[in-house]
Amino acid sequence: MTFVSLSRASELYDFASRLQVGWHRVEHALFREFSKATQSLLRRLGDMSRDEFWQGSLGPLRRYRFYLNVLPVPFSDPSVLQSAGTTGLASQVDVVTSLYPSYAGQYSEAVAMLAELMGTDDAPLLEAIRQATDTENSCLLLTSRTIHRVLSSSPTVRLPHGMMYLPHSDLRDESFEQIVVCGPLAWFPDWILASPRAPRIDVVRYGWLRDRAALEPVFVGGLGVPVKSEAEAPNADPEDLLEPSELVLRIDWDDMYRRFSSSADDTDEQEEAFLVLARLVLLEGGWASYAQEGSSRLIISLEDGARPRLKRVQTAEIQPGSFLLLRTAGGGDLIRP
């Protein structure tokens, strides 16, 4: 349980009682059509979209779509293009045409729109954030540390003067005059509005995404201005909205299990096989490694002045952004995707 001081609790109550919430619905015709075309193909494929072929073919489109919904960068941002893995899609159209001709038209159309987007410097989320921000003591709130790292490596982002950016997990102990949420509230925990860290919160997101319903305040008398749901907000057509959950990049754990689980149960060596509790740690570049619960792993510390650079941490203490030291030969549990 986390305890807060009386002064901190008073500050949070003051923020909640004075909270003003601004909605900023952003539009971009081509990105809207690309987002909906990608989702239409996914829905048509159904369970087939989980096949290895379609995961590889649609992965770059889905990653690009998600990143550009949560990052205030131009559509041509090189960090996003690299993270999404958009190279080689033109040749993939030929492969889809050969193997799945009935889906080739939709796939080709989505890839063509993606190529057009990558050639433009439009940055509608960034422009909306600039217009919504009117204080230097402000914070841009991001969905995760992974998104934070992509934004940190971007050479194109130009946030308003004085604005810092944080993943929502790092916001609890902070206070600002204004917080700008990048993306629909459905991608953020309830306390962002229910127990706000600023008296003013602006939500900037694309207009074709449905948002969640209004929240109840944690403090009595909180939420000085009612928070409208997407259905209550003006100019919202429920039939023309995508669910935020449809855009989120998820790990298919069933597929992971099928591909990486031990085959010992199908051999004559069943008596030598045993189960252990472990976590699957996803690594950069599409790799992964099992980390047994209750054991420790070596990590490399890059903090200034850290000595020694190598230190052991418990499996449960491994965090996003940690640098694990792993073997590349001679055994071990490093696995390929």
C-alpha atoms as a PDB file:
ATOM      1  CA  MET A   1       0.000   0.000   0.000  1.00  0.00           C
ATOM      2  CA  THR A   2       1.301   3.458  -0.913  1.00  0.00           C
ATOM      3  CA  PHE A   3       0.976   6.235   1.646  1.00  0.00           C
ATOM      4  CA  VAL A   4       0.965   9.951   0.835  1.00  0.00           C
ATOM      5  CA  SER A   5       1.621  12.912   3.097  1.00  0.00           C
ATOM      6  CA  LEU A   6      -1.192  15.165   4.272  1.00  0.00           C
ATOM      7  CA  SER A   7       0.148  18.041   2.171  1.00  0.00           C
ATOM      8  CA  ARG A   8       0.244  15.830  -0.934  1.00  0.00           C
ATOM      9  CA  ALA A   9      -3.296  14.604  -0.309  1.00  0.00           C
ATOM     10  CA  SER A  10      -4.459  18.218   0.083  1.00  0.00           C
ATOM     11  CA  GLU A  11      -2.794  19.158  -3.189  1.00  0.00           C
ATOM     12  CA  LEU A  12      -4.456  16.284  -5.037  1.00  0.00           C
ATOM     13  CA  TYR A  13      -7.839  17.178  -3.541  1.00  0.00           C
ATOM     14  CA  ASP A  14      -7.375  20.777  -4.659  1.00  0.00           C
ATOM     15  CA  PHE A  15      -6.542  19.627  -8.197  1.00  0.00           C
ATOM     16  CA  ALA A  16      -9.614  17.358  -8.278  1.00  0.00           C
ATOM     17  CA  SER A  17     -11.952  20.084  -7.008  1.00  0.00           C
ATOM     18  CA  ARG A  18     -10.736  22.555  -9.661  1.00  0.00           C
ATOM     19  CA  LEU A  19     -10.257  20.091 -12.505  1.00  0.00           C
ATOM     20  CA  GLN A  20     -10.992  21.379 -16.001  1.00  0.00           C
ATOM     21  CA  VAL A  21     -10.990  18.813 -18.802  1.00  0.00           C
ATOM     22  CA  GLY A  22     -10.541  19.792 -22.428  1.00  0.00           C
ATOM     23  CA  TRP A  23     -11.257  17.496 -25.390  1.00  0.00           C
ATOM     24  CA  HIS A  24      -9.312  17.971 -28.602  1.00  0.00           C
ATOM     25  CA  ARG A  25     -10.511  15.761 -31.433  1.00  0.00           C
ATOM     26  CA  VAL A  26      -7.912  15.590 -34.220  1.00  0.00           C
ATOM     27  CA  GLU A  27      -8.664  14.723 -37.837  1.00  0.00           C
ATOM     28  CA  HIS A  28      -6.522  13.613 -40.760  1.00  0.00           C
ATOM     29  CA  ALA A  29      -8.382  12.122 -43.713  1.00  0.00           C
ATOM     30  CA  LEU A  30      -5.643   9.845 -45.053  1.00  0.00           C
ATOM     31  CA  PHE A  31      -4.614   8.479 -41.655  1.00  0.00           C
ATOM     32  CA  ARG A  32      -8.291   7.853 -40.835  1.00  0.00           C
ATOM     33  CA  GLU A  33      -8.734   5.852 -44.037  1.00  0.00           C
ATOM     34  CA  PHE A  34      -5.522   3.915 -43.446  1.00  0.00           C
ATOM     35  CA  SER A  35      -6.524   3.079 -39.856  1.00  0.00           C
ATOM     36  CA  LYS A  36      -9.981   1.895 -40.878  1.00  0.00           C
ATOM     37  CA  ALA A  37      -8.691  -0.036 -43.922  1.00  0.00           C
ATOM     38  CA  THR A  38      -6.201  -1.913 -41.725  1.00  0.00           C
ATOM     39  CA  GLN A  39      -8.903  -2.728 -39.192  1.00  0.00           C
ATOM     40  CA  SER A  40     -11.312  -3.831 -41.924  1.00  0.00           C
ATOM     41  CA  LEU A  41      -8.734  -6.314 -43.222  1.00  0.00           C
ATOM     42  CA  LEU A  42      -8.047  -7.612 -39.709  1.00  0.00           C
ATOM     43  CA  ARG A  43     -11.740  -8.158 -39.071  1.00  0.00           C
ATOM     44  CA  ARG A  44     -12.174  -9.935 -42.390  1.00  0.00           C
ATOM     45  CA  LEU A  45      -9.229 -12.235 -41.692  1.00  0.00           C
ATOM     46  CA  GLY A  46     -10.583 -13.128 -38.254  1.00  0.00           C
ATOM     47  CA  ASP A  47      -8.530 -15.907 -36.630  1.00  0.00           C
ATOM     48  CA  MET A  48      -6.330 -16.075 -39.728  1.00  0.00           C
ATOM     49  CA  SER A  49      -4.758 -12.782 -38.636  1.00  0.00           C
ATOM     50  CA  ARG A  50      -2.986 -14.752 -35.883  1.00  0.00           C
ATOM     51  CA  ASP A  51      -1.187 -16.946 -38.416  1.00  0.00           C
ATOM     52  CA  GLU A  52       2.544 -16.383 -38.660  1.00  0.00           C
ATOM     53  CA  PHE A  53       2.269 -15.180 -42.261  1.00  0.00           C
ATOM     54  CA  TRP A  54      -0.317 -12.522 -41.511  1.00  0.00           C
ATOM     55  CA  GLN A  55       1.408 -11.492 -38.291  1.00  0.00           C
ATOM     56  CA  GLY A  56       4.490 -10.708 -40.347  1.00  0.00           C
ATOM     57  CA  SER A  57       2.554  -9.081 -43.187  1.00  0.00           C
ATOM     58  CA  LEU A  58       0.278  -6.927 -41.031  1.00  0.00           C
ATOM     59  CA  GLY A  59       2.692  -6.290 -38.158  1.00  0.00           C
ATOM     60  CA  PRO A  60       4.313  -3.181 -39.693  1.00  0.00           C
ATOM     61  CA  LEU A  61       0.907  -1.667 -40.529  1.00  0.00           C
ATOM     62  CA  ARG A  62      -0.450  -2.300 -37.043  1.00  0.00           C
ATOM     63  CA  ARG A  63       2.671  -0.966 -35.315  1.00  0.00           C
ATOM     64  CA  TYR A  64       2.770   2.157 -37.484  1.00  0.00           C
ATOM     65  CA  ARG A  65      -0.915   2.805 -36.842  1.00  0.00           C
ATOM     66  CA  PHE A  66      -0.496   2.430 -33.074  1.00  0.00           C
ATOM     67  CA  TYR A  67       2.658   4.566 -32.832  1.00  0.00           C
ATOM     68  CA  LEU A  68       1.091   7.412 -34.794  1.00  0.00           C
ATOM     69  CA  ASN A  69      -1.951   7.330 -32.511  1.00  0.00           C
ATOM     70  CA  VAL A  70       0.150   7.791 -29.368  1.00  0.00           C
ATOM     71  CA  LEU A  71       3.148   9.852 -30.530  1.00  0.00           C
ATOM     72  CA  PRO A  72       3.076  13.539 -31.551  1.00  0.00           C
ATOM     73  CA  VAL A  73       5.503  13.150 -34.455  1.00  0.00           C
ATOM     74  CA  PRO A  74       5.283  13.600 -38.232  1.00  0.00           C
ATOM     75  CA  PHE A  75       4.054  10.633 -40.268  1.00  0.00           C
ATOM     76  CA  SER A  76       7.542  10.431 -41.785  1.00  0.00           C
ATOM     77  CA  ASP A  77       9.379  10.245 -38.448  1.00  0.00           C
ATOM     78  CA  PRO A  78      12.381   7.887 -38.932  1.00  0.00           C
ATOM     79  CA  SER A  79      12.242   6.532 -35.358  1.00  0.00           C
ATOM     80  CA  VAL A  80       8.660   5.396 -35.893  1.00  0.00           C
ATOM     81  CA  LEU A  81       9.430   3.905 -39.304  1.00  0.00           C
ATOM     82  CA  GLN A  82      12.310   1.926 -37.822  1.00  0.00           C
ATOM     83  CA  SER A  83      10.327   0.751 -34.797  1.00  0.00           C
ATOM     84  CA  ALA A  84       7.373  -0.250 -36.961  1.00  0.00           C
ATOM     85  CA  GLY A  85       9.587  -2.112 -39.462  1.00  0.00           C
ATOM     86  CA  THR A  86       7.989  -0.640 -42.570  1.00  0.00           C
ATOM     87  CA  THR A  87      10.726  -1.573 -45.057  1.00  0.00           C
ATOM     88  CA  GLY A  88       9.995  -4.226 -47.668  1.00  0.00           C
ATOM     89  CA  LEU A  89       6.214  -3.873 -47.685  1.00  0.00           C
ATOM     90  CA  ALA A  90       6.035  -3.269 -51.445  1.00  0.00           C
ATOM     91  CA  SER A  91       7.499  -6.720 -52.171  1.00  0.00           C
ATOM     92  CA  GLN A  92       5.190  -8.249 -49.549  1.00  0.00           C
ATOM     93  CA  VAL A  93       2.212  -7.131 -51.648  1.00  0.00           C
ATOM     94  CA  ASP A  94       3.389  -9.515 -54.390  1.00  0.00           C
ATOM     95  CA  VAL A  95       3.633 -12.368 -51.885  1.00  0.00           C
ATOM     96  CA  VAL A  96       0.111 -11.728 -50.574  1.00  0.00           C
ATOM     97  CA  THR A  97      -1.194 -11.535 -54.140  1.00  0.00           C
ATOM     98  CA  SER A  98       0.351 -14.913 -54.914  1.00  0.00           C
ATOM     99  CA  LEU A  99      -0.752 -16.732 -51.754  1.00  0.00           C
ATOM    100  CA  TYR A 100      -3.998 -14.968 -50.818  1.00  0.00           C
ATOM    101  CA  PRO A 101      -5.389 -13.292 -53.949  1.00  0.00           C
ATOM    102  CA  SER A 102      -8.810 -12.660 -52.355  1.00  0.00           C
ATOM    103  CA  TYR A 103      -7.169 -10.436 -49.716  1.00  0.00           C
ATOM    104  CA  ALA A 104      -4.600  -8.816 -51.997  1.00  0.00           C
ATOM    105  CA  GLY A 105      -6.758  -5.830 -52.938  1.00  0.00           C
ATOM    106  CA  GLN A 106      -7.343  -4.704 -49.346  1.00  0.00           C
ATOM    107  CA  TYR A 107      -3.738  -5.339 -48.360  1.00  0.00           C
ATOM    108  CA  SER A 108      -2.360  -3.473 -51.375  1.00  0.00           C
ATOM    109  CA  GLU A 109      -4.653  -0.520 -50.675  1.00  0.00           C
ATOM    110  CA  ALA A 110      -3.531  -0.298 -47.035  1.00  0.00           C
ATOM    111  CA  VAL A 111       0.155  -0.516 -48.000  1.00  0.00           C
ATOM    112  CA  ALA A 112      -0.311   2.210 -50.640  1.00  0.00           C
ATOM    113  CA  MET A 113      -1.891   4.531 -48.062  1.00  0.00           C
ATOM    114  CA  LEU A 114       0.923   3.777 -45.636  1.00  0.00           C
ATOM    115  CA  ALA A 115       3.517   4.669 -48.285  1.00  0.00           C
ATOM    116  CA  GLU A 116       1.729   7.964 -48.918  1.00  0.00           C
ATOM    117  CA  LEU A 117       1.627   8.748 -45.198  1.00  0.00           C
ATOM    118  CA  MET A 118       5.342   8.012 -44.813  1.00  0.00           C
ATOM    119  CA  GLY A 119       6.047  10.607 -47.490  1.00  0.00           C
ATOM    120  CA  THR A 120       4.353  13.475 -45.678  1.00  0.00           C
ATOM    121  CA  ASP A 121       5.571  15.612 -42.787  1.00  0.00           C
ATOM    122  CA  ASP A 122       2.074  16.188 -41.412  1.00  0.00           C
ATOM    123  CA  ALA A 123       1.963  15.991 -37.614  1.00  0.00           C
ATOM    124  CA  PRO A 124      -1.670  16.584 -36.574  1.00  0.00           C
ATOM    125  CA  LEU A 125      -1.271  15.388 -32.967  1.00  0.00           C
ATOM    126  CA  LEU A 126       1.742  17.647 -32.459  1.00  0.00           C
ATOM    127  CA  GLU A 127      -0.104  20.677 -33.847  1.00  0.00           C
ATOM    128  CA  ALA A 128      -3.081  20.002 -31.583  1.00  0.00           C
ATOM    129  CA  ILE A 129      -0.817  19.675 -28.547  1.00  0.00           C
ATOM    130  CA  ARG A 130       0.865  22.972 -29.336  1.00  0.00           C
ATOM    131  CA  GLN A 131      -2.501  24.695 -29.613  1.00  0.00           C
ATOM    132  CA  ALA A 132      -3.804  23.137 -26.385  1.00  0.00           C
ATOM    133  CA  THR A 133      -0.758  24.004 -24.253  1.00  0.00           C
ATOM    134  CA  ASP A 134      -0.575  27.471 -22.707  1.00  0.00           C
ATOM    135  CA  THR A 135       1.851  27.033 -19.785  1.00  0.00           C
ATOM    136  CA  GLU A 136       5.483  26.004 -19.475  1.00  0.00           C
ATOM    137  CA  ASN A 137       4.726  23.914 -16.389  1.00  0.00           C
ATOM    138  CA  SER A 138       3.108  21.219 -18.483  1.00  0.00           C
ATOM    139  CA  CYS A 139       3.515  17.518 -19.141  1.00  0.00           C
ATOM    140  CA  LEU A 140       2.753  15.348 -22.138  1.00  0.00           C
ATOM    141  CA  LEU A 141       1.458  12.021 -20.854  1.00  0.00           C
ATOM    142  CA  LEU A 142       2.369   8.908 -22.841  1.00  0.00           C
ATOM    143  CA  THR A 143       0.945   5.391 -22.681  1.00  0.00           C
ATOM    144  CA  SER A 144       4.128   3.489 -21.740  1.00  0.00           C
ATOM    145  CA  ARG A 145       7.888   3.548 -21.265  1.00  0.00           C
ATOM    146  CA  THR A 146       8.279   1.909 -24.674  1.00  0.00           C
ATOM    147  CA  ILE A 147       6.499   4.827 -26.340  1.00  0.00           C
ATOM    148  CA  HIS A 148       8.594   7.176 -24.193  1.00  0.00           C
ATOM    149  CA  ARG A 149      11.794   5.629 -25.588  1.00  0.00           C
ATOM    150  CA  VAL A 150      10.583   5.930 -29.194  1.00  0.00           C
ATOM    151  CA  LEU A 151       9.778   9.608 -28.631  1.00  0.00           C
ATOM    152  CA  SER A 152      13.139  10.178 -26.945  1.00  0.00           C
ATOM    153  CA  SER A 153      14.928   8.908 -30.057  1.00  0.00           C
ATOM    154  CA  SER A 154      12.830  10.982 -32.462  1.00  0.00           C
ATOM    155  CA  PRO A 155      14.720  13.769 -34.282  1.00  0.00           C
ATOM    156  CA  THR A 156      11.514  15.459 -35.452  1.00  0.00           C
ATOM    157  CA  VAL A 157       9.449  16.152 -32.321  1.00  0.00           C
ATOM    158  CA  ARG A 158       9.162  19.820 -31.300  1.00  0.00           C
ATOM    159  CA  LEU A 159       7.075  20.082 -28.142  1.00  0.00           C
ATOM    160  CA  PRO A 160       5.972  23.436 -26.658  1.00  0.00           C
ATOM    161  CA  HIS A 161       8.654  25.261 -24.681  1.00  0.00           C
ATOM    162  CA  GLY A 162       9.067  23.898 -21.169  1.00  0.00           C
ATOM    163  CA  MET A 163       6.862  20.845 -21.715  1.00  0.00           C
ATOM    164  CA  MET A 164       8.268  17.553 -20.465  1.00  0.00           C
ATOM    165  CA  TYR A 165       6.966  14.117 -21.374  1.00  0.00           C
ATOM    166  CA  LEU A 166       6.450  11.103 -19.133  1.00  0.00           C
ATOM    167  CA  PRO A 167       4.910   7.627 -19.270  1.00  0.00           C
ATOM    168  CA  HIS A 168       1.857   7.542 -17.024  1.00  0.00           C
ATOM    169  CA  SER A 169       3.638   5.141 -14.662  1.00  0.00           C
ATOM    170  CA  ASP A 170       6.052   7.955 -13.713  1.00  0.00           C
ATOM    171  CA  LEU A 171       3.368  10.575 -13.040  1.00  0.00           C
ATOM    172  CA  ARG A 172       2.195   9.608  -9.554  1.00  0.00           C
ATOM    173  CA  ASP A 173       4.724  11.716  -7.642  1.00  0.00           C
ATOM    174  CA  GLU A 174       4.613  14.699 -10.009  1.00  0.00           C
ATOM    175  CA  SER A 175       2.481  17.848 -10.172  1.00  0.00           C
ATOM    176  CA  PHE A 176       1.900  20.248 -13.052  1.00  0.00           C
ATOM    177  CA  GLU A 177      -0.281  23.160 -14.024  1.00  0.00           C
ATOM    178  CA  GLN A 178      -1.413  21.300 -17.128  1.00  0.00           C
ATOM    179  CA  ILE A 179      -1.275  17.710 -18.354  1.00  0.00           C
ATOM    180  CA  VAL A 180      -1.874  16.824 -21.991  1.00  0.00           C
ATOM    181  CA  VAL A 181      -2.914  13.202 -22.522  1.00  0.00           C
ATOM    182  CA  CYS A 182      -1.801  11.847 -25.906  1.00  0.00           C
ATOM    183  CA  GLY A 183      -4.304   9.232 -27.015  1.00  0.00           C
ATOM    184  CA  PRO A 184      -7.750   8.066 -25.826  1.00  0.00           C
ATOM    185  CA  LEU A 185      -8.289   7.796 -22.081  1.00  0.00           C
ATOM    186  CA  ALA A 186      -9.046   4.091 -22.501  1.00  0.00           C
ATOM    187  CA  TRP A 187      -5.271   3.543 -22.779  1.00  0.00           C
ATOM    188  CA  PHE A 188      -4.611   5.176 -19.394  1.00  0.00           C
ATOM    189  CA  PRO A 189      -5.435   4.190 -15.796  1.00  0.00           C
ATOM    190  CA  ASP A 190      -8.527   5.637 -14.136  1.00  0.00           C
ATOM    191  CA  TRP A 191      -6.604   7.739 -11.627  1.00  0.00           C
ATOM    192  CA  ILE A 192      -5.374  10.080 -14.373  1.00  0.00           C
ATOM    193  CA  LEU A 193      -8.754  11.844 -14.116  1.00  0.00           C
ATOM    194  CA  ALA A 194     -10.115  10.492 -10.836  1.00  0.00           C
ATOM    195  CA  SER A 195      -7.047  11.658  -8.858  1.00  0.00           C
ATOM    196  CA  PRO A 196      -5.452  14.213 -11.202  1.00  0.00           C
ATOM    197  CA  ARG A 197      -1.901  15.539 -10.909  1.00  0.00           C
ATOM    198  CA  ALA A 198      -2.881  18.903 -12.405  1.00  0.00           C
ATOM    199  CA  PRO A 199      -5.927  21.182 -12.218  1.00  0.00           C
ATOM    200  CA  ARG A 200      -6.215  21.091 -16.004  1.00  0.00           C
ATOM    201  CA  ILE A 201      -6.115  18.062 -18.270  1.00  0.00           C
ATOM    202  CA  ASP A 202      -6.423  18.152 -22.038  1.00  0.00           C
ATOM    203  CA  VAL A 203      -7.089  14.956 -23.976  1.00  0.00           C
ATOM    204  CA  VAL A 204      -5.711  14.989 -27.524  1.00  0.00           C
ATOM    205  CA  ARG A 205      -6.669  12.070 -29.742  1.00  0.00           C
ATOM    206  CA  TYR A 206      -7.952  11.238 -33.183  1.00  0.00           C
ATOM    207  CA  GLY A 207     -11.665  11.651 -33.693  1.00  0.00           C
ATOM    208  CA  TRP A 208     -12.355   8.165 -35.069  1.00  0.00           C
ATOM    209  CA  LEU A 209     -11.458   6.477 -31.772  1.00  0.00           C
ATOM    210  CA  ARG A 210     -14.169   5.790 -29.216  1.00  0.00           C
ATOM    211  CA  ASP A 211     -13.311   6.852 -25.662  1.00  0.00           C
ATOM    212  CA  ARG A 212     -14.426   5.333 -22.381  1.00  0.00           C
ATOM    213  CA  ALA A 213     -17.293   6.541 -20.206  1.00  0.00           C
ATOM    214  CA  ALA A 214     -17.024   9.236 -17.533  1.00  0.00           C
ATOM    215  CA  LEU A 215     -15.206   8.422 -14.290  1.00  0.00           C
ATOM    216  CA  GLU A 216     -16.225   8.853 -10.693  1.00  0.00           C
ATOM    217  CA  PRO A 217     -13.879  11.070  -8.653  1.00  0.00           C
ATOM    218  CA  VAL A 218     -11.771   9.596  -5.866  1.00  0.00           C
ATOM    219  CA  PHE A 219     -12.357  12.661  -3.664  1.00  0.00           C
ATOM    220  CA  VAL A 220     -15.785  13.942  -2.671  1.00  0.00           C
ATOM    221  CA  GLY A 221     -16.369  17.122  -4.631  1.00  0.00           C
ATOM    222  CA  GLY A 222     -13.762  16.200  -7.235  1.00  0.00           C
ATOM    223  CA  LEU A 223     -14.080  16.656 -10.977  1.00  0.00           C
ATOM    224  CA  GLY A 224     -15.235  20.269 -10.893  1.00  0.00           C
ATOM    225  CA  VAL A 225     -16.279  19.952 -14.548  1.00  0.00           C
ATOM    226  CA  PRO A 226     -18.172  16.826 -15.671  1.00  0.00           C
ATOM    227  CA  VAL A 227     -16.086  14.522 -17.843  1.00  0.00           C
ATOM    228  CA  LYS A 228     -18.016  13.569 -20.968  1.00  0.00           C
ATOM    229  CA  SER A 229     -17.794  10.183 -22.559  1.00  0.00           C
ATOM    230  CA  GLU A 230     -17.289   9.816 -26.286  1.00  0.00           C
ATOM    231  CA  ALA A 231     -20.979   9.161 -26.735  1.00  0.00           C
ATOM    232  CA  GLU A 232     -21.845  12.438 -24.992  1.00  0.00           C
ATOM    233  CA  ALA A 233     -19.284  14.542 -26.819  1.00  0.00           C
ATOM    234  CA  PRO A 234     -20.495  16.534 -29.835  1.00  0.00           C
ATOM    235  CA  ASN A 235     -19.984  15.414 -33.435  1.00  0.00           C
ATOM    236  CA  ALA A 236     -19.379  11.772 -32.484  1.00  0.00           C
ATOM    237  CA  ASP A 237     -20.891   9.119 -34.774  1.00  0.00           C
ATOM    238  CA  PRO A 238     -20.832   5.827 -32.806  1.00  0.00           C
ATOM    239  CA  GLU A 239     -21.142   3.788 -36.003  1.00  0.00           C
ATOM    240  CA  ASP A 240     -17.991   5.356 -37.411  1.00  0.00           C
ATOM    241  CA  LEU A 241     -15.700   4.840 -34.431  1.00  0.00           C
ATOM    242  CA  LEU A 242     -12.921   2.311 -33.821  1.00  0.00           C
ATOM    243  CA  GLU A 243     -12.433   0.776 -30.403  1.00  0.00           C
ATOM    244  CA  PRO A 244      -9.067   1.781 -28.857  1.00  0.00           C
ATOM    245  CA  SER A 245      -8.554  -1.859 -27.838  1.00  0.00           C
ATOM    246  CA  GLU A 246      -8.482  -2.826 -31.524  1.00  0.00           C
ATOM    247  CA  LEU A 247      -5.352  -0.735 -32.065  1.00  0.00           C
ATOM    248  CA  VAL A 248      -3.348  -1.935 -29.075  1.00  0.00           C
ATOM    249  CA  LEU A 249      -0.375  -4.189 -29.844  1.00  0.00           C
ATOM    250  CA  ARG A 250      -0.887  -7.339 -27.810  1.00  0.00           C
ATOM    251  CA  ILE A 251       1.237 -10.405 -27.177  1.00  0.00           C
ATOM    252  CA  ASP A 252      -0.360 -13.627 -28.388  1.00  0.00           C
ATOM    253  CA  TRP A 253       0.593 -15.818 -25.434  1.00  0.00           C
ATOM    254  CA  ASP A 254      -1.149 -18.881 -26.883  1.00  0.00           C
ATOM    255  CA  ASP A 255       0.983 -18.599 -30.002  1.00  0.00           C
ATOM    256  CA  MET A 256       4.093 -18.106 -27.854  1.00  0.00           C
ATOM    257  CA  TYR A 257       3.283 -21.282 -25.942  1.00  0.00           C
ATOM    258  CA  ARG A 258       2.694 -23.310 -29.088  1.00  0.00           C
ATOM    259  CA  ARG A 259       5.967 -22.187 -30.639  1.00  0.00           C
ATOM    260  CA  PHE A 260       8.284 -22.277 -27.644  1.00  0.00           C
ATOM    261  CA  SER A 261       6.928 -24.822 -25.178  1.00  0.00           C
ATOM    262  CA  SER A 262       8.970 -27.949 -24.564  1.00  0.00           C
ATOM    263  CA  SER A 263       8.132 -31.022 -26.623  1.00  0.00           C
ATOM    264  CA  ALA A 264       9.261 -33.347 -23.853  1.00  0.00           C
ATOM    265  CA  ASP A 265       5.683 -34.528 -23.266  1.00  0.00           C
ATOM    266  CA  ASP A 266       5.756 -36.162 -26.708  1.00  0.00           C
ATOM    267  CA  THR A 267       8.999 -38.069 -26.144  1.00  0.00           C
ATOM    268  CA  ASP A 268      10.134 -41.060 -24.137  1.00  0.00           C
ATOM    269  CA  GLU A 269      11.960 -38.745 -21.736  1.00  0.00           C
ATOM    270  CA  GLN A 270       8.865 -37.508 -19.924  1.00  0.00           C
ATOM    271  CA  GLU A 271      10.318 -38.465 -16.559  1.00  0.00           C
ATOM    272  CA  GLU A 272      13.199 -36.012 -17.091  1.00  0.00           C
ATOM    273  CA  ALA A 273      10.916 -33.057 -17.868  1.00  0.00           C
ATOM    274  CA  PHE A 274       9.609 -30.791 -15.121  1.00  0.00           C
ATOM    275  CA  LEU A 275       7.761 -27.494 -15.019  1.00  0.00           C
ATOM    276  CA  VAL A 276       9.039 -24.279 -13.457  1.00  0.00           C
ATOM    277  CA  LEU A 277       7.434 -20.877 -13.084  1.00  0.00           C
ATOM    278  CA  ALA A 278       9.063 -18.372 -15.422  1.00  0.00           C
ATOM    279  CA  ARG A 279       8.486 -15.038 -17.071  1.00  0.00           C
ATOM    280  CA  LEU A 280       8.944 -14.479 -20.781  1.00  0.00           C
ATOM    281  CA  VAL A 281      11.053 -11.333 -21.171  1.00  0.00           C
ATOM    282  CA  LEU A 282      10.617  -9.690 -24.558  1.00  0.00           C
ATOM    283  CA  LEU A 283      13.792  -8.166 -25.984  1.00  0.00           C
ATOM    284  CA  GLU A 284      14.542  -5.596 -28.658  1.00  0.00           C
ATOM    285  CA  GLY A 285      14.782  -6.975 -32.169  1.00  0.00           C
ATOM    286  CA  GLY A 286      12.070  -9.608 -31.758  1.00  0.00           C
ATOM    287  CA  TRP A 287      13.993 -11.889 -29.360  1.00  0.00           C
ATOM    288  CA  ALA A 288      12.882 -13.228 -25.997  1.00  0.00           C
ATOM    289  CA  SER A 289      14.289 -15.043 -22.990  1.00  0.00           C
ATOM    290  CA  TYR A 290      12.758 -17.016 -20.142  1.00  0.00           C
ATOM    291  CA  ALA A 291      13.582 -15.793 -16.629  1.00  0.00           C
ATOM    292  CA  GLN A 292      12.774 -18.287 -13.884  1.00  0.00           C
ATOM    293  CA  GLU A 293      10.760 -16.965 -10.945  1.00  0.00           C
ATOM    294  CA  GLY A 294      12.786 -16.772  -7.761  1.00  0.00           C
ATOM    295  CA  SER A 295      16.087 -16.602  -9.620  1.00  0.00           C
ATOM    296  CA  SER A 296      18.293 -13.643 -10.456  1.00  0.00           C
ATOM    297  CA  ARG A 297      19.617 -12.213 -13.712  1.00  0.00           C
ATOM    298  CA  LEU A 298      22.598 -10.054 -14.614  1.00  0.00           C
ATOM    299  CA  ILE A 299      21.785  -6.576 -15.873  1.00  0.00           C
ATOM    300  CA  ILE A 300      24.039  -3.801 -17.167  1.00  0.00           C
ATOM    301  CA  SER A 301      23.620  -0.459 -15.420  1.00  0.00           C
ATOM    302  CA  LEU A 302      24.143   2.606 -17.620  1.00  0.00           C
ATOM    303  CA  GLU A 303      23.523   5.139 -14.857  1.00  0.00           C
ATOM    304  CA  ASP A 304      26.209   7.771 -14.456  1.00  0.00           C
ATOM    305  CA  GLY A 305      28.794   6.706 -11.885  1.00  0.00           C
ATOM    306  CA  ALA A 306      27.266   3.282 -11.353  1.00  0.00           C
ATOM    307  CA  ARG A 307      29.827   0.803 -10.012  1.00  0.00           C
ATOM    308  CA  PRO A 308      29.925  -2.040 -10.709  1.00  0.00           C
ATOM    309  CA  ARG A 309      28.276  -1.904 -14.099  1.00  0.00           C
ATOM    310  CA  LEU A 310      27.085  -5.503 -13.753  1.00  0.00           C
ATOM    311  CA  LYS A 311      24.674  -6.379 -10.972  1.00  0.00           C
ATOM    312  CA  ARG A 312      22.199  -9.136 -10.190  1.00  0.00           C
ATOM    313  CA  VAL A 313      18.504  -8.453  -9.759  1.00  0.00           C
ATOM    314  CA  GLN A 314      15.598 -10.755  -9.013  1.00  0.00           C
ATOM    315  CA  THR A 315      13.415 -11.756 -11.941  1.00  0.00           C
ATOM    316  CA  ALA A 316      10.506  -9.784 -10.476  1.00  0.00           C
ATOM    317  CA  GLU A 317      12.676  -6.625 -10.471  1.00  0.00           C
ATOM    318  CA  ILE A 318      13.365  -6.659 -14.224  1.00  0.00           C
ATOM    319  CA  GLN A 319      11.748  -3.537 -15.689  1.00  0.00           C
ATOM    320  CA  PRO A 320      11.106  -2.254 -19.231  1.00  0.00           C
ATOM    321  CA  GLY A 321      14.308  -0.588 -20.394  1.00  0.00           C
ATOM    322  CA  SER A 322      16.618  -2.899 -18.448  1.00  0.00           C
ATOM    323  CA  PHE A 323      19.721  -4.229 -20.230  1.00  0.00           C
ATOM    324  CA  LEU A 324      19.977  -7.997 -19.676  1.00  0.00           C
ATOM    325  CA  LEU A 325      23.284  -9.830 -20.091  1.00  0.00           C
ATOM    326  CA  LEU A 326      22.601 -13.073 -21.983  1.00  0.00           C
ATOM    327  CA  ARG A 327      24.644 -15.820 -23.616  1.00  0.00           C
ATOM    328  CA  THR A 328      24.632 -16.026 -27.407  1.00  0.00           C
ATOM    329  CA  ALA A 329      26.188 -19.513 -27.551  1.00  0.00           C
ATOM    330  CA  GLY A 330      26.913 -22.519 -25.388  1.00  0.00           C
ATOM    331  CA  GLY A 331      23.391 -23.237 -24.175  1.00  0.00           C
ATOM    332  CA  GLY A 332      21.035 -21.174 -22.092  1.00  0.00           C
ATOM    333  CA  ASP A 333      17.433 -20.214 -22.614  1.00  0.00           C
ATOM    334  CA  LEU A 334      17.728 -17.493 -25.236  1.00  0.00           C
ATOM    335  CA  ILE A 335      15.119 -18.167 -27.889  1.00  0.00           C
ATOM    336  CA  ARG A 336      14.220 -16.854 -31.321  1.00  0.00           C
ATOM    337  CA  PRO A 337      10.766 -15.529 -32.256  1.00  0.00           C
END
